[in-house]
């Protein structure tokens, strides 16, 4: 939701497992632990995306992640 409010489309899983809450099988196959396999973020970039859109994501993502981490620390 935080990224939606910033007009950033992202997913926590692969495109073929939309809605599946299980950890990423690809990240597991790479030997990554739970923290990484459950915390992945998928961003898809294609030729239709502009440099300005990519810059917006690169600028907006770090503060959004910081807010989410603060929220998680507060309510965990």
PDB file of N, CA and C in Angstrom:
ATOM      1  N   UNK A   1       0.823  -1.183   0.000  1.00  0.00           N
ATOM      2  CA  UNK A   1       0.000   0.000   0.000  1.00  0.00           C
ATOM      3  C   UNK A   1       0.874   1.257   0.000  1.00  0.00           C
ATOM      4  N   UNK A   2       1.963   1.249   0.768  1.00  0.00           N
ATOM      5  CA  UNK A   2       2.835   2.418   0.819  1.00  0.00           C
ATOM      6  C   UNK A   2       3.391   2.750  -0.565  1.00  0.00           C
ATOM      7  N   UNK A   3       3.780   1.730  -1.301  1.00  0.00           N
ATOM      8  CA  UNK A   3       4.315   1.970  -2.637  1.00  0.00           C
ATOM      9  C   UNK A   3       3.215   2.370  -3.608  1.00  0.00           C
ATOM     10  N   UNK A   4       2.022   1.811  -3.444  1.00  0.00           N
ATOM     11  CA  UNK A   4       0.896   2.224  -4.286  1.00  0.00           C
ATOM     12  C   UNK A   4       0.641   3.721  -4.155  1.00  0.00           C
ATOM     13  N   UNK A   5       0.717   4.228  -2.932  1.00  0.00           N
ATOM     14  CA  UNK A   5       0.493   5.655  -2.705  1.00  0.00           C
ATOM     15  C   UNK A   5       1.548   6.511  -3.393  1.00  0.00           C
ATOM     16  N   UNK A   6       2.712   5.916  -3.663  1.00  0.00           N
ATOM     17  CA  UNK A   6       3.788   6.621  -4.368  1.00  0.00           C
ATOM     18  C   UNK A   6       3.755   6.343  -5.869  1.00  0.00           C
ATOM     19  N   UNK A   7       2.715   5.647  -6.324  1.00  0.00           N
ATOM     20  CA  UNK A   7       2.550   5.281  -7.740  1.00  0.00           C
ATOM     21  C   UNK A   7       3.670   4.370  -8.221  1.00  0.00           C
ATOM     22  N   UNK A   8       4.057   3.428  -7.339  1.00  0.00           N
ATOM     23  CA  UNK A   8       5.078   2.434  -7.671  1.00  0.00           C
ATOM     24  C   UNK A   8       4.425   1.061  -7.627  1.00  0.00           C
ATOM     25  N   UNK A   9       4.506   0.346  -8.730  1.00  0.00           N
ATOM     26  CA  UNK A   9       3.953  -1.005  -8.795  1.00  0.00           C
ATOM     27  C   UNK A   9       5.054  -1.997  -8.441  1.00  0.00           C
ATOM     28  N   UNK A  10       4.785  -2.832  -7.457  1.00  0.00           N
ATOM     29  CA  UNK A  10       5.769  -3.813  -7.007  1.00  0.00           C
ATOM     30  C   UNK A  10       5.029  -5.024  -6.462  1.00  0.00           C
ATOM     31  N   UNK A  11       5.768  -6.102  -6.293  1.00  0.00           N
ATOM     32  CA  UNK A  11       5.188  -7.329  -5.756  1.00  0.00           C
ATOM     33  C   UNK A  11       6.196  -7.995  -4.838  1.00  0.00           C
ATOM     34  N   UNK A  12       5.682  -8.761  -3.898  1.00  0.00           N
ATOM     35  CA  UNK A  12       6.570  -9.493  -2.995  1.00  0.00           C
ATOM     36  C   UNK A  12       6.884 -10.890  -3.503  1.00  0.00           C
ATOM     37  N   UNK A  13       6.277 -11.279  -4.609  1.00  0.00           N
ATOM     38  CA  UNK A  13       6.524 -12.608  -5.159  1.00  0.00           C
ATOM     39  C   UNK A  13       6.725 -12.556  -6.655  1.00  0.00           C
ATOM     40  N   UNK A  14       6.929 -13.712  -7.227  1.00  0.00           N
ATOM     41  CA  UNK A  14       7.111 -13.775  -8.673  1.00  0.00           C
ATOM     42  C   UNK A  14       5.786 -13.532  -9.377  1.00  0.00           C
ATOM     43  N   UNK A  15       5.844 -13.201 -10.648  1.00  0.00           N
ATOM     44  CA  UNK A  15       4.637 -12.924 -11.420  1.00  0.00           C
ATOM     45  C   UNK A  15       3.737 -14.153 -11.506  1.00  0.00           C
ATOM     46  N   UNK A  16       4.311 -15.332 -11.470  1.00  0.00           N
ATOM     47  CA  UNK A  16       3.517 -16.549 -11.607  1.00  0.00           C
ATOM     48  C   UNK A  16       2.940 -17.024 -10.273  1.00  0.00           C
ATOM     49  N   UNK A  17       3.261 -16.356  -9.176  1.00  0.00           N
ATOM     50  CA  UNK A  17       2.738 -16.803  -7.873  1.00  0.00           C
ATOM     51  C   UNK A  17       1.994 -15.681  -7.159  1.00  0.00           C
ATOM     52  N   UNK A  18       1.314 -14.834  -7.921  1.00  0.00           N
ATOM     53  CA  UNK A  18       0.585 -13.718  -7.333  1.00  0.00           C
ATOM     54  C   UNK A  18      -0.386 -14.212  -6.272  1.00  0.00           C
ATOM     55  N   UNK A  19      -0.343 -13.598  -5.110  1.00  0.00           N
ATOM     56  CA  UNK A  19      -1.233 -13.967  -4.017  1.00  0.00           C
ATOM     57  C   UNK A  19      -0.735 -15.115  -3.165  1.00  0.00           C
ATOM     58  N   UNK A  20       0.363 -15.727  -3.549  1.00  0.00           N
ATOM     59  CA  UNK A  20       0.911 -16.852  -2.797  1.00  0.00           C
ATOM     60  C   UNK A  20       1.816 -16.310  -1.688  1.00  0.00           C
ATOM     61  N   UNK A  21       1.464 -16.561  -0.421  1.00  0.00           N
ATOM     62  CA  UNK A  21       2.261 -16.010   0.680  1.00  0.00           C
ATOM     63  C   UNK A  21       3.551 -16.770   0.981  1.00  0.00           C
ATOM     64  N   UNK A  22       3.806 -17.853   0.261  1.00  0.00           N
ATOM     65  CA  UNK A  22       5.007 -18.649   0.512  1.00  0.00           C
ATOM     66  C   UNK A  22       6.255 -17.890   0.069  1.00  0.00           C
ATOM     67  N   UNK A  23       7.395 -18.201   0.687  1.00  0.00           N
ATOM     68  CA  UNK A  23       8.651 -17.551   0.287  1.00  0.00           C
ATOM     69  C   UNK A  23       8.981 -17.834  -1.172  1.00  0.00           C
ATOM     70  N   UNK A  24       9.770 -16.973  -1.762  1.00  0.00           N
ATOM     71  CA  UNK A  24      10.176 -17.133  -3.152  1.00  0.00           C
ATOM     72  C   UNK A  24      11.006 -18.403  -3.334  1.00  0.00           C
ATOM     73  N   UNK A  25      10.536 -19.283  -4.214  1.00  0.00           N
ATOM     74  CA  UNK A  25      11.264 -20.522  -4.495  1.00  0.00           C
ATOM     75  C   UNK A  25      12.595 -20.223  -5.179  1.00  0.00           C
ATOM     76  N   UNK A  26      12.622 -19.184  -5.985  1.00  0.00           N
ATOM     77  CA  UNK A  26      13.863 -18.816  -6.671  1.00  0.00           C
ATOM     78  C   UNK A  26      14.900 -18.352  -5.655  1.00  0.00           C
ATOM     79  N   UNK A  27      14.492 -17.511  -4.725  1.00  0.00           N
ATOM     80  CA  UNK A  27      15.428 -17.035  -3.709  1.00  0.00           C
ATOM     81  C   UNK A  27      15.865 -18.172  -2.791  1.00  0.00           C
ATOM     82  N   UNK A  28      14.955 -19.107  -2.502  1.00  0.00           N
ATOM     83  CA  UNK A  28      15.326 -20.280  -1.704  1.00  0.00           C
ATOM     84  C   UNK A  28      16.343 -21.130  -2.449  1.00  0.00           C
ATOM     85  N   UNK A  29      16.140 -21.302  -3.765  1.00  0.00           N
ATOM     86  CA  UNK A  29      17.055 -22.115  -4.571  1.00  0.00           C
ATOM     87  C   UNK A  29      18.459 -21.498  -4.604  1.00  0.00           C
ATOM     88  N   UNK A  30      18.522 -20.185  -4.430  1.00  0.00           N
ATOM     89  CA  UNK A  30      19.820 -19.514  -4.373  1.00  0.00           C
ATOM     90  C   UNK A  30      20.499 -19.705  -3.025  1.00  0.00           C
ATOM     91  N   UNK A  31      19.777 -20.339  -2.082  1.00  0.00           N
ATOM     92  CA  UNK A  31      20.350 -20.620  -0.772  1.00  0.00           C
ATOM     93  C   UNK A  31      20.173 -19.496   0.237  1.00  0.00           C
ATOM     94  N   UNK A  32      19.278 -18.568  -0.046  1.00  0.00           N
ATOM     95  CA  UNK A  32      19.053 -17.456   0.877  1.00  0.00           C
ATOM     96  C   UNK A  32      18.142 -17.879   2.021  1.00  0.00           C
ATOM     97  N   UNK A  33      18.348 -17.296   3.191  1.00  0.00           N
ATOM     98  CA  UNK A  33      17.543 -17.615   4.368  1.00  0.00           C
ATOM     99  C   UNK A  33      16.186 -16.934   4.354  1.00  0.00           C
ATOM    100  N   UNK A  34      15.385 -17.242   5.386  1.00  0.00           N
ATOM    101  CA  UNK A  34      14.013 -16.726   5.489  1.00  0.00           C
ATOM    102  C   UNK A  34      13.917 -15.208   5.396  1.00  0.00           C
ATOM    103  N   UNK A  35      14.846 -14.517   6.041  1.00  0.00           N
ATOM    104  CA  UNK A  35      14.785 -13.052   6.020  1.00  0.00           C
ATOM    105  C   UNK A  35      14.806 -12.523   4.597  1.00  0.00           C
ATOM    106  N   UNK A  36      15.579 -13.159   3.741  1.00  0.00           N
ATOM    107  CA  UNK A  36      15.684 -12.725   2.350  1.00  0.00           C
ATOM    108  C   UNK A  36      14.559 -13.288   1.496  1.00  0.00           C
ATOM    109  N   UNK A  37      14.189 -14.548   1.705  1.00  0.00           N
ATOM    110  CA  UNK A  37      13.173 -15.153   0.839  1.00  0.00           C
ATOM    111  C   UNK A  37      11.787 -14.608   1.125  1.00  0.00           C
ATOM    112  N   UNK A  38      11.557 -14.123   2.323  1.00  0.00           N
ATOM    113  CA  UNK A  38      10.255 -13.540   2.658  1.00  0.00           C
ATOM    114  C   UNK A  38      10.240 -12.026   2.501  1.00  0.00           C
ATOM    115  N   UNK A  39      11.396 -11.431   2.248  1.00  0.00           N
ATOM    116  CA  UNK A  39      11.472  -9.983   2.166  1.00  0.00           C
ATOM    117  C   UNK A  39      11.800  -9.464   0.781  1.00  0.00           C
ATOM    118  N   UNK A  40      11.644 -10.294  -0.233  1.00  0.00           N
ATOM    119  CA  UNK A  40      11.968  -9.870  -1.593  1.00  0.00           C
ATOM    120  C   UNK A  40      10.948  -8.873  -2.135  1.00  0.00           C
ATOM    121  N   UNK A  41      11.390  -8.046  -3.048  1.00  0.00           N
ATOM    122  CA  UNK A  41      10.535  -7.069  -3.707  1.00  0.00           C
ATOM    123  C   UNK A  41      10.825  -7.134  -5.197  1.00  0.00           C
ATOM    124  N   UNK A  42       9.780  -7.392  -5.986  1.00  0.00           N
ATOM    125  CA  UNK A  42       9.948  -7.508  -7.441  1.00  0.00           C
ATOM    126  C   UNK A  42       9.478  -6.225  -8.112  1.00  0.00           C
ATOM    127  N   UNK A  43      10.380  -5.630  -8.871  1.00  0.00           N
ATOM    128  CA  UNK A  43      10.069  -4.468  -9.690  1.00  0.00           C
ATOM    129  C   UNK A  43      10.339  -4.858 -11.137  1.00  0.00           C
ATOM    130  N   UNK A  44       9.396  -4.613 -12.005  1.00  0.00           N
ATOM    131  CA  UNK A  44       9.570  -4.951 -13.406  1.00  0.00           C
ATOM    132  C   UNK A  44       9.796  -3.672 -14.196  1.00  0.00           C
ATOM    133  N   UNK A  45      10.853  -3.663 -14.974  1.00  0.00           N
ATOM    134  CA  UNK A  45      11.186  -2.510 -15.799  1.00  0.00           C
ATOM    135  C   UNK A  45      11.238  -2.965 -17.252  1.00  0.00           C
ATOM    136  N   UNK A  46      10.617  -2.186 -18.114  1.00  0.00           N
ATOM    137  CA  UNK A  46      10.616  -2.522 -19.538  1.00  0.00           C
ATOM    138  C   UNK A  46      10.861  -1.293 -20.388  1.00  0.00           C
ATOM    139  N   UNK A  47      10.823  -1.482 -21.685  1.00  0.00           N
ATOM    140  CA  UNK A  47      11.121  -0.376 -22.591  1.00  0.00           C
ATOM    141  C   UNK A  47      10.067   0.731 -22.531  1.00  0.00           C
ATOM    142  N   UNK A  48       8.898   0.435 -21.973  1.00  0.00           N
ATOM    143  CA  UNK A  48       7.861   1.456 -21.850  1.00  0.00           C
ATOM    144  C   UNK A  48       8.117   2.394 -20.667  1.00  0.00           C
ATOM    145  N   UNK A  49       9.004   2.009 -19.761  1.00  0.00           N
ATOM    146  CA  UNK A  49       9.317   2.858 -18.615  1.00  0.00           C
ATOM    147  C   UNK A  49      10.288   3.960 -19.023  1.00  0.00           C
ATOM    148  N   UNK A  50      10.108   5.125 -18.406  1.00  0.00           N
ATOM    149  CA  UNK A  50      10.981   6.255 -18.699  1.00  0.00           C
ATOM    150  C   UNK A  50      12.069   6.361 -17.642  1.00  0.00           C
ATOM    151  N   UNK A  51      13.112   7.100 -17.980  1.00  0.00           N
ATOM    152  CA  UNK A  51      14.186   7.352 -17.020  1.00  0.00           C
ATOM    153  C   UNK A  51      13.638   8.094 -15.803  1.00  0.00           C
ATOM    154  N   UNK A  52      12.678   8.983 -16.011  1.00  0.00           N
ATOM    155  CA  UNK A  52      12.075   9.728 -14.899  1.00  0.00           C
ATOM    156  C   UNK A  52      11.331   8.793 -13.951  1.00  0.00           C
ATOM    157  N   UNK A  53      10.643   7.789 -14.481  1.00  0.00           N
ATOM    158  CA  UNK A  53       9.940   6.824 -13.632  1.00  0.00           C
ATOM    159  C   UNK A  53      10.922   6.012 -12.798  1.00  0.00           C
ATOM    160  N   UNK A  54      12.004   5.595 -13.408  1.00  0.00           N
ATOM    161  CA  UNK A  54      13.023   4.827 -12.680  1.00  0.00           C
ATOM    162  C   UNK A  54      13.660   5.696 -11.597  1.00  0.00           C
ATOM    163  N   UNK A  55      13.946   6.941 -11.926  1.00  0.00           N
ATOM    164  CA  UNK A  55      14.512   7.868 -10.939  1.00  0.00           C
ATOM    165  C   UNK A  55      13.546   8.068  -9.781  1.00  0.00           C
ATOM    166  N   UNK A  56      12.247   8.140 -10.072  1.00  0.00           N
ATOM    167  CA  UNK A  56      11.235   8.289  -9.019  1.00  0.00           C
ATOM    168  C   UNK A  56      11.281   7.106  -8.056  1.00  0.00           C
ATOM    169  N   UNK A  57      11.389   5.899  -8.591  1.00  0.00           N
ATOM    170  CA  UNK A  57      11.460   4.706  -7.737  1.00  0.00           C
ATOM    171  C   UNK A  57      12.733   4.738  -6.895  1.00  0.00           C
ATOM    172  N   UNK A  58      13.846   5.040  -7.517  1.00  0.00           N
ATOM    173  CA  UNK A  58      15.119   5.057  -6.795  1.00  0.00           C
ATOM    174  C   UNK A  58      15.130   6.117  -5.695  1.00  0.00           C
ATOM    175  N   UNK A  59      14.431   7.214  -5.905  1.00  0.00           N
ATOM    176  CA  UNK A  59      14.367   8.270  -4.899  1.00  0.00           C
ATOM    177  C   UNK A  59      13.339   7.949  -3.816  1.00  0.00           C
ATOM    178  N   UNK A  60      12.236   7.332  -4.179  1.00  0.00           N
ATOM    179  CA  UNK A  60      11.124   7.110  -3.251  1.00  0.00           C
ATOM    180  C   UNK A  60      11.253   5.845  -2.416  1.00  0.00           C
ATOM    181  N   UNK A  61      11.913   4.839  -2.938  1.00  0.00           N
ATOM    182  CA  UNK A  61      11.963   3.546  -2.260  1.00  0.00           C
ATOM    183  C   UNK A  61      12.689   3.574  -0.917  1.00  0.00           C
ATOM    184  N   UNK A  62      13.864   4.169  -0.792  1.00  0.00           N
ATOM    185  CA  UNK A  62      14.533   4.156   0.519  1.00  0.00           C
ATOM    186  C   UNK A  62      13.713   4.795   1.656  1.00  0.00           C
ATOM    187  N   UNK A  63      13.107   5.985   1.471  1.00  0.00           N
ATOM    188  CA  UNK A  63      12.301   6.530   2.570  1.00  0.00           C
ATOM    189  C   UNK A  63      11.069   5.678   2.881  1.00  0.00           C
ATOM    190  N   UNK A  64      10.460   5.086   1.851  1.00  0.00           N
ATOM    191  CA  UNK A  64       9.287   4.231   2.081  1.00  0.00           C
ATOM    192  C   UNK A  64       9.681   2.996   2.892  1.00  0.00           C
ATOM    193  N   UNK A  65      10.818   2.386   2.560  1.00  0.00           N
ATOM    194  CA  UNK A  65      11.284   1.219   3.310  1.00  0.00           C
ATOM    195  C   UNK A  65      11.630   1.594   4.753  1.00  0.00           C
ATOM    196  N   UNK A  66      12.200   2.756   4.939  1.00  0.00           N
ATOM    197  CA  UNK A  66      12.520   3.217   6.292  1.00  0.00           C
ATOM    198  C   UNK A  66      11.238   3.342   7.123  1.00  0.00           C
ATOM    199  N   UNK A  67      10.191   3.927   6.560  1.00  0.00           N
ATOM    200  CA  UNK A  67       8.909   4.061   7.269  1.00  0.00           C
ATOM    201  C   UNK A  67       8.336   2.693   7.620  1.00  0.00           C
ATOM    202  N   UNK A  68       8.402   1.757   6.677  1.00  0.00           N
ATOM    203  CA  UNK A  68       7.869   0.420   6.933  1.00  0.00           C
ATOM    204  C   UNK A  68       8.663  -0.302   8.015  1.00  0.00           C
ATOM    205  N   UNK A  69       9.977  -0.131   8.002  1.00  0.00           N
ATOM    206  CA  UNK A  69      10.802  -0.761   9.048  1.00  0.00           C
ATOM    207  C   UNK A  69      10.477  -0.168  10.414  1.00  0.00           C
ATOM    208  N   UNK A  70      10.280   1.136  10.499  1.00  0.00           N
ATOM    209  CA  UNK A  70       9.919   1.776  11.761  1.00  0.00           C
ATOM    210  C   UNK A  70       8.570   1.253  12.248  1.00  0.00           C
ATOM    211  N   UNK A  71       7.640   1.111  11.324  1.00  0.00           N
ATOM    212  CA  UNK A  71       6.314   0.578  11.652  1.00  0.00           C
ATOM    213  C   UNK A  71       6.439  -0.854  12.185  1.00  0.00           C
ATOM    214  N   UNK A  72       7.247  -1.669  11.513  1.00  0.00           N
ATOM    215  CA  UNK A  72       7.426  -3.069  11.925  1.00  0.00           C
ATOM    216  C   UNK A  72       8.070  -3.137  13.309  1.00  0.00           C
ATOM    217  N   UNK A  73       9.029  -2.282  13.585  1.00  0.00           N
ATOM    218  CA  UNK A  73       9.675  -2.284  14.908  1.00  0.00           C
ATOM    219  C   UNK A  73       8.692  -1.859  16.003  1.00  0.00           C
ATOM    220  N   UNK A  74       7.826  -0.933  15.684  1.00  0.00           N
ATOM    221  CA  UNK A  74       6.854  -0.436  16.649  1.00  0.00           C
ATOM    222  C   UNK A  74       5.821  -1.503  17.004  1.00  0.00           C
ATOM    223  N   UNK A  75       5.388  -2.276  16.010  1.00  0.00           N
ATOM    224  CA  UNK A  75       4.302  -3.226  16.226  1.00  0.00           C
ATOM    225  C   UNK A  75       4.734  -4.691  16.252  1.00  0.00           C
ATOM    226  N   UNK A  76       6.027  -4.940  16.435  1.00  0.00           N
ATOM    227  CA  UNK A  76       6.453  -6.345  16.516  1.00  0.00           C
ATOM    228  C   UNK A  76       6.698  -6.771  17.938  1.00  0.00           C
TER     229      UNK A  76
END
